[in-house]
Amino acid sequence: MDIQLPSGVWSGHYEQACSKYAQQATLEFADGLIRGDGADDIGLFSIEGEYRIDKGEVRMGWIKTYQGAHSVLYLGKLKGSNITGKWDISGWGGNFALAPAPQGRDLR
């Protein structure tokens, strides 16, 4: 199984109250760990988490922490070259999707 988790700029969205909000992060995938930072309409954030391969499926989870503010749990799976899943903060959440940004393109 060829697994593609390229470190670099990832962009996508999260859904909240029937609306989609853009987000972008620079992510590093290495030795089962995910680290990074990014920005969305709420502000700047950092990411720390992990990924693992289980029965041919890549599962991952991370904590997205806004500078000086709250944290959000993200749980997702790699589907093709995209990461899709759900975010949660105290039992409230929605869907999200991220994909590698075109090479050399940082939209922040």
N, C-alpha and C. Protein backbone atom coordinates (compact mmCIF):
# COMPACT_ATOMS: atom_id res chain seq x y z
N MET A 1 0.85 -1.19 0.00
CA MET A 1 0.00 0.00 0.00
C MET A 1 0.89 1.24 0.00
N ASP A 2 0.66 2.11 -0.97
CA ASP A 2 1.43 3.35 -1.08
C ASP A 2 0.68 4.46 -0.34
N ILE A 3 1.28 4.94 0.74
CA ILE A 3 0.63 5.98 1.55
C ILE A 3 1.33 7.30 1.30
N GLN A 4 0.54 8.31 0.96
CA GLN A 4 1.07 9.64 0.67
C GLN A 4 0.62 10.63 1.74
N LEU A 5 1.51 10.97 2.65
CA LEU A 5 1.27 12.01 3.65
C LEU A 5 2.40 13.03 3.49
N PRO A 6 2.32 13.86 2.48
CA PRO A 6 3.42 14.80 2.24
C PRO A 6 3.43 15.94 3.26
N SER A 7 4.59 16.17 3.83
CA SER A 7 4.76 17.34 4.69
C SER A 7 4.72 18.57 3.81
N GLY A 8 4.16 19.65 4.33
CA GLY A 8 4.06 20.89 3.57
C GLY A 8 2.75 21.59 3.85
N VAL A 9 2.33 22.42 2.93
CA VAL A 9 1.12 23.22 3.09
C VAL A 9 -0.11 22.39 2.70
N TRP A 10 -1.08 22.36 3.60
CA TRP A 10 -2.37 21.70 3.37
C TRP A 10 -3.45 22.76 3.50
N SER A 11 -4.46 22.71 2.65
CA SER A 11 -5.55 23.68 2.75
C SER A 11 -6.88 22.95 2.65
N GLY A 12 -7.91 23.59 3.17
CA GLY A 12 -9.23 22.99 3.14
C GLY A 12 -10.21 23.83 3.92
N HIS A 13 -11.09 23.15 4.64
CA HIS A 13 -12.13 23.86 5.37
C HIS A 13 -12.60 23.05 6.57
N TYR A 14 -13.31 23.75 7.44
CA TYR A 14 -14.08 23.06 8.48
C TYR A 14 -15.50 23.59 8.37
N GLU A 15 -16.45 22.77 8.80
CA GLU A 15 -17.86 23.14 8.71
C GLU A 15 -18.40 23.44 10.10
N GLN A 16 -19.16 24.53 10.17
CA GLN A 16 -19.77 24.93 11.43
C GLN A 16 -21.08 25.63 11.11
N ALA A 17 -22.16 25.20 11.75
CA ALA A 17 -23.48 25.81 11.57
C ALA A 17 -23.85 25.94 10.08
N CYS A 18 -23.70 24.85 9.34
CA CYS A 18 -24.07 24.77 7.92
C CYS A 18 -23.25 25.68 7.01
N SER A 19 -22.11 26.18 7.47
CA SER A 19 -21.22 26.99 6.64
C SER A 19 -19.83 26.38 6.63
N LYS A 20 -19.08 26.64 5.54
CA LYS A 20 -17.70 26.18 5.43
C LYS A 20 -16.76 27.37 5.63
N TYR A 21 -15.69 27.13 6.40
CA TYR A 21 -14.70 28.16 6.69
C TYR A 21 -13.32 27.66 6.27
N ALA A 22 -12.60 28.46 5.50
CA ALA A 22 -11.28 28.06 4.99
C ALA A 22 -10.27 27.96 6.13
N GLN A 23 -9.37 27.00 5.98
CA GLN A 23 -8.24 26.88 6.90
C GLN A 23 -7.04 26.38 6.12
N GLN A 24 -5.87 26.75 6.60
CA GLN A 24 -4.64 26.31 5.95
C GLN A 24 -3.59 26.08 7.02
N ALA A 25 -2.79 25.03 6.83
CA ALA A 25 -1.76 24.70 7.81
C ALA A 25 -0.53 24.14 7.11
N THR A 26 0.62 24.38 7.69
CA THR A 26 1.85 23.74 7.28
C THR A 26 2.04 22.56 8.22
N LEU A 27 1.97 21.35 7.68
CA LEU A 27 2.02 20.13 8.49
C LEU A 27 3.27 19.33 8.21
N GLU A 28 3.78 18.71 9.25
CA GLU A 28 4.92 17.80 9.13
C GLU A 28 4.50 16.43 9.64
N PHE A 29 4.66 15.42 8.79
CA PHE A 29 4.34 14.04 9.15
C PHE A 29 5.66 13.27 9.25
N ALA A 30 5.96 12.70 10.42
CA ALA A 30 7.20 11.94 10.59
C ALA A 30 7.07 10.99 11.77
N ASP A 31 7.42 9.74 11.55
CA ASP A 31 7.48 8.73 12.62
C ASP A 31 6.19 8.65 13.43
N GLY A 32 5.04 8.76 12.76
CA GLY A 32 3.77 8.64 13.44
C GLY A 32 3.28 9.90 14.11
N LEU A 33 4.03 10.99 14.00
CA LEU A 33 3.64 12.25 14.63
C LEU A 33 3.24 13.31 13.61
N ILE A 34 2.32 14.16 14.00
CA ILE A 34 1.89 15.30 13.18
C ILE A 34 2.16 16.56 13.98
N ARG A 35 2.85 17.51 13.36
CA ARG A 35 3.09 18.81 13.98
C ARG A 35 2.89 19.88 12.93
N GLY A 36 2.47 21.06 13.36
CA GLY A 36 2.32 22.13 12.40
C GLY A 36 1.72 23.38 13.00
N ASP A 37 1.47 24.33 12.11
CA ASP A 37 0.81 25.57 12.50
C ASP A 37 0.04 26.09 11.31
N GLY A 38 -0.89 26.99 11.58
CA GLY A 38 -1.70 27.48 10.49
C GLY A 38 -2.57 28.65 10.91
N ALA A 39 -3.57 28.92 10.06
CA ALA A 39 -4.47 30.05 10.29
C ALA A 39 -5.83 29.76 9.67
N ASP A 40 -6.85 30.32 10.27
CA ASP A 40 -8.20 30.30 9.72
C ASP A 40 -8.89 31.59 10.15
N ASP A 41 -10.20 31.66 9.96
CA ASP A 41 -10.92 32.89 10.27
C ASP A 41 -10.94 33.22 11.76
N ILE A 42 -10.66 32.23 12.62
CA ILE A 42 -10.62 32.49 14.06
C ILE A 42 -9.27 33.07 14.47
N GLY A 43 -8.19 32.59 13.85
CA GLY A 43 -6.86 33.09 14.18
C GLY A 43 -5.77 32.09 13.88
N LEU A 44 -4.61 32.33 14.49
CA LEU A 44 -3.45 31.46 14.33
C LEU A 44 -3.55 30.28 15.28
N PHE A 45 -3.05 29.13 14.84
CA PHE A 45 -3.11 27.94 15.69
C PHE A 45 -1.89 27.05 15.48
N SER A 46 -1.69 26.14 16.44
CA SER A 46 -0.67 25.10 16.31
C SER A 46 -1.37 23.75 16.32
N ILE A 47 -0.69 22.74 15.79
CA ILE A 47 -1.24 21.40 15.69
C ILE A 47 -0.22 20.41 16.24
N GLU A 48 -0.71 19.48 17.08
CA GLU A 48 0.11 18.37 17.56
C GLU A 48 -0.76 17.14 17.61
N GLY A 49 -0.26 16.03 17.02
CA GLY A 49 -1.05 14.81 17.03
C GLY A 49 -0.27 13.62 16.54
N GLU A 50 -1.01 12.61 16.09
CA GLU A 50 -0.36 11.39 15.62
C GLU A 50 -1.18 10.74 14.52
N TYR A 51 -0.52 9.86 13.78
CA TYR A 51 -1.21 9.07 12.76
C TYR A 51 -0.72 7.64 12.86
N ARG A 52 -1.57 6.72 12.39
CA ARG A 52 -1.17 5.31 12.37
C ARG A 52 -1.89 4.59 11.26
N ILE A 53 -1.26 3.53 10.80
CA ILE A 53 -1.84 2.69 9.77
C ILE A 53 -2.45 1.49 10.46
N ASP A 54 -3.73 1.26 10.23
CA ASP A 54 -4.44 0.16 10.87
C ASP A 54 -5.26 -0.57 9.81
N LYS A 55 -4.90 -1.80 9.50
CA LYS A 55 -5.60 -2.61 8.51
C LYS A 55 -5.73 -1.90 7.16
N GLY A 56 -4.62 -1.28 6.72
CA GLY A 56 -4.58 -0.61 5.43
C GLY A 56 -5.23 0.76 5.42
N GLU A 57 -5.65 1.25 6.56
CA GLU A 57 -6.29 2.55 6.65
C GLU A 57 -5.42 3.48 7.50
N VAL A 58 -5.27 4.73 7.04
CA VAL A 58 -4.49 5.70 7.80
C VAL A 58 -5.46 6.53 8.63
N ARG A 59 -5.33 6.40 9.94
CA ARG A 59 -6.16 7.16 10.88
C ARG A 59 -5.28 8.18 11.58
N MET A 60 -5.87 9.32 11.92
CA MET A 60 -5.08 10.35 12.58
C MET A 60 -5.94 11.18 13.51
N GLY A 61 -5.26 11.79 14.46
CA GLY A 61 -5.93 12.69 15.38
C GLY A 61 -4.95 13.75 15.83
N TRP A 62 -5.45 14.96 16.05
CA TRP A 62 -4.59 16.03 16.53
C TRP A 62 -5.40 17.03 17.33
N ILE A 63 -4.67 17.82 18.08
CA ILE A 63 -5.26 18.93 18.82
C ILE A 63 -4.83 20.21 18.12
N LYS A 64 -5.81 21.01 17.76
CA LYS A 64 -5.58 22.32 17.13
C LYS A 64 -5.78 23.36 18.24
N THR A 65 -4.71 24.07 18.60
CA THR A 65 -4.76 25.02 19.70
C THR A 65 -4.57 26.44 19.18
N TYR A 66 -5.57 27.27 19.40
CA TYR A 66 -5.49 28.67 18.99
C TYR A 66 -4.64 29.44 19.99
N GLN A 67 -3.80 30.34 19.48
CA GLN A 67 -2.92 31.12 20.34
C GLN A 67 -3.73 31.88 21.39
N GLY A 68 -3.44 31.58 22.66
CA GLY A 68 -4.10 32.26 23.76
C GLY A 68 -5.58 31.95 23.91
N ALA A 69 -6.03 30.85 23.30
CA ALA A 69 -7.47 30.56 23.34
C ALA A 69 -7.71 29.06 23.50
N HIS A 70 -8.79 28.57 22.93
CA HIS A 70 -9.25 27.20 23.10
C HIS A 70 -8.55 26.20 22.19
N SER A 71 -8.80 24.92 22.47
CA SER A 71 -8.27 23.82 21.66
C SER A 71 -9.42 23.01 21.09
N VAL A 72 -9.17 22.37 19.94
CA VAL A 72 -10.18 21.60 19.23
C VAL A 72 -9.59 20.24 18.87
N LEU A 73 -10.35 19.17 19.10
CA LEU A 73 -9.92 17.82 18.73
C LEU A 73 -10.34 17.53 17.30
N TYR A 74 -9.41 17.06 16.48
CA TYR A 74 -9.67 16.64 15.10
C TYR A 74 -9.37 15.15 14.98
N LEU A 75 -10.32 14.38 14.43
CA LEU A 75 -10.11 12.96 14.16
C LEU A 75 -10.46 12.72 12.69
N GLY A 76 -9.53 12.08 11.96
CA GLY A 76 -9.78 11.90 10.54
C GLY A 76 -9.10 10.67 9.97
N LYS A 77 -9.34 10.48 8.67
CA LYS A 77 -8.75 9.38 7.91
C LYS A 77 -8.24 9.92 6.59
N LEU A 78 -7.21 9.27 6.08
CA LEU A 78 -6.70 9.60 4.76
C LEU A 78 -7.56 8.87 3.74
N LYS A 79 -8.17 9.63 2.82
CA LYS A 79 -8.97 9.06 1.73
C LYS A 79 -8.40 9.60 0.43
N GLY A 80 -7.69 8.74 -0.30
CA GLY A 80 -6.96 9.20 -1.48
C GLY A 80 -5.83 10.09 -1.00
N SER A 81 -5.79 11.32 -1.48
CA SER A 81 -4.76 12.26 -1.00
C SER A 81 -5.33 13.27 -0.02
N ASN A 82 -6.59 13.11 0.38
CA ASN A 82 -7.25 14.06 1.28
C ASN A 82 -7.41 13.49 2.68
N ILE A 83 -7.45 14.37 3.65
CA ILE A 83 -7.78 13.99 5.02
C ILE A 83 -9.18 14.52 5.29
N THR A 84 -10.08 13.63 5.71
CA THR A 84 -11.44 14.04 6.04
C THR A 84 -11.80 13.48 7.41
N GLY A 85 -12.70 14.17 8.09
CA GLY A 85 -13.11 13.69 9.40
C GLY A 85 -14.00 14.67 10.12
N LYS A 86 -13.93 14.61 11.44
CA LYS A 86 -14.77 15.43 12.31
C LYS A 86 -13.91 16.20 13.31
N TRP A 87 -14.37 17.39 13.66
CA TRP A 87 -13.75 18.16 14.75
C TRP A 87 -14.75 18.20 15.89
N ASP A 88 -14.22 18.38 17.11
CA ASP A 88 -15.07 18.38 18.29
C ASP A 88 -14.49 19.31 19.36
N ILE A 89 -15.38 20.08 19.95
CA ILE A 89 -15.01 20.90 21.10
C ILE A 89 -16.17 20.81 22.09
N SER A 90 -15.93 20.10 23.17
CA SER A 90 -16.94 19.91 24.23
C SER A 90 -18.26 19.35 23.70
N GLY A 91 -18.18 18.36 22.80
CA GLY A 91 -19.38 17.71 22.29
C GLY A 91 -20.07 18.43 21.14
N TRP A 92 -19.49 19.52 20.70
CA TRP A 92 -20.05 20.29 19.58
C TRP A 92 -19.03 20.26 18.46
N GLY A 93 -19.45 20.04 17.22
CA GLY A 93 -18.46 19.96 16.15
C GLY A 93 -19.07 19.90 14.77
N GLY A 94 -18.25 19.39 13.84
CA GLY A 94 -18.66 19.29 12.45
C GLY A 94 -17.61 18.56 11.64
N ASN A 95 -17.77 18.58 10.34
CA ASN A 95 -16.85 17.93 9.42
C ASN A 95 -15.69 18.85 9.05
N PHE A 96 -14.62 18.24 8.53
CA PHE A 96 -13.51 19.01 7.98
C PHE A 96 -12.90 18.23 6.83
N ALA A 97 -12.15 18.92 5.98
CA ALA A 97 -11.41 18.29 4.88
C ALA A 97 -10.15 19.10 4.63
N LEU A 98 -9.05 18.41 4.38
CA LEU A 98 -7.77 19.04 4.03
C LEU A 98 -7.14 18.29 2.87
N ALA A 99 -6.43 19.01 2.02
CA ALA A 99 -5.71 18.42 0.90
C ALA A 99 -4.38 19.14 0.74
N PRO A 100 -3.39 18.45 0.20
CA PRO A 100 -2.11 19.14 -0.05
C PRO A 100 -2.35 20.31 -0.99
N ALA A 101 -1.81 21.48 -0.66
CA ALA A 101 -1.92 22.66 -1.52
C ALA A 101 -0.98 22.48 -2.71
N PRO A 102 -1.30 23.09 -3.83
CA PRO A 102 -0.37 23.03 -4.98
C PRO A 102 1.03 23.45 -4.54
N GLN A 103 2.03 22.76 -5.05
CA GLN A 103 3.41 23.00 -4.64
C GLN A 103 3.79 24.47 -4.71
N GLY A 104 4.41 24.94 -3.63
CA GLY A 104 4.91 26.32 -3.59
C GLY A 104 3.83 27.34 -3.34
N ARG A 105 2.62 26.91 -3.05
CA ARG A 105 1.52 27.85 -2.87
C ARG A 105 1.11 27.93 -1.40
N ASP A 106 1.31 29.05 -0.78
CA ASP A 106 0.89 29.27 0.59
C ASP A 106 -0.15 30.39 0.55
N LEU A 107 -1.38 30.05 0.87
CA LEU A 107 -2.47 31.01 0.73
C LEU A 107 -2.64 31.93 1.94
N ARG A 108 -1.84 31.72 2.98
CA ARG A 108 -1.99 32.55 4.18
C ARG A 108 -1.49 33.94 3.93
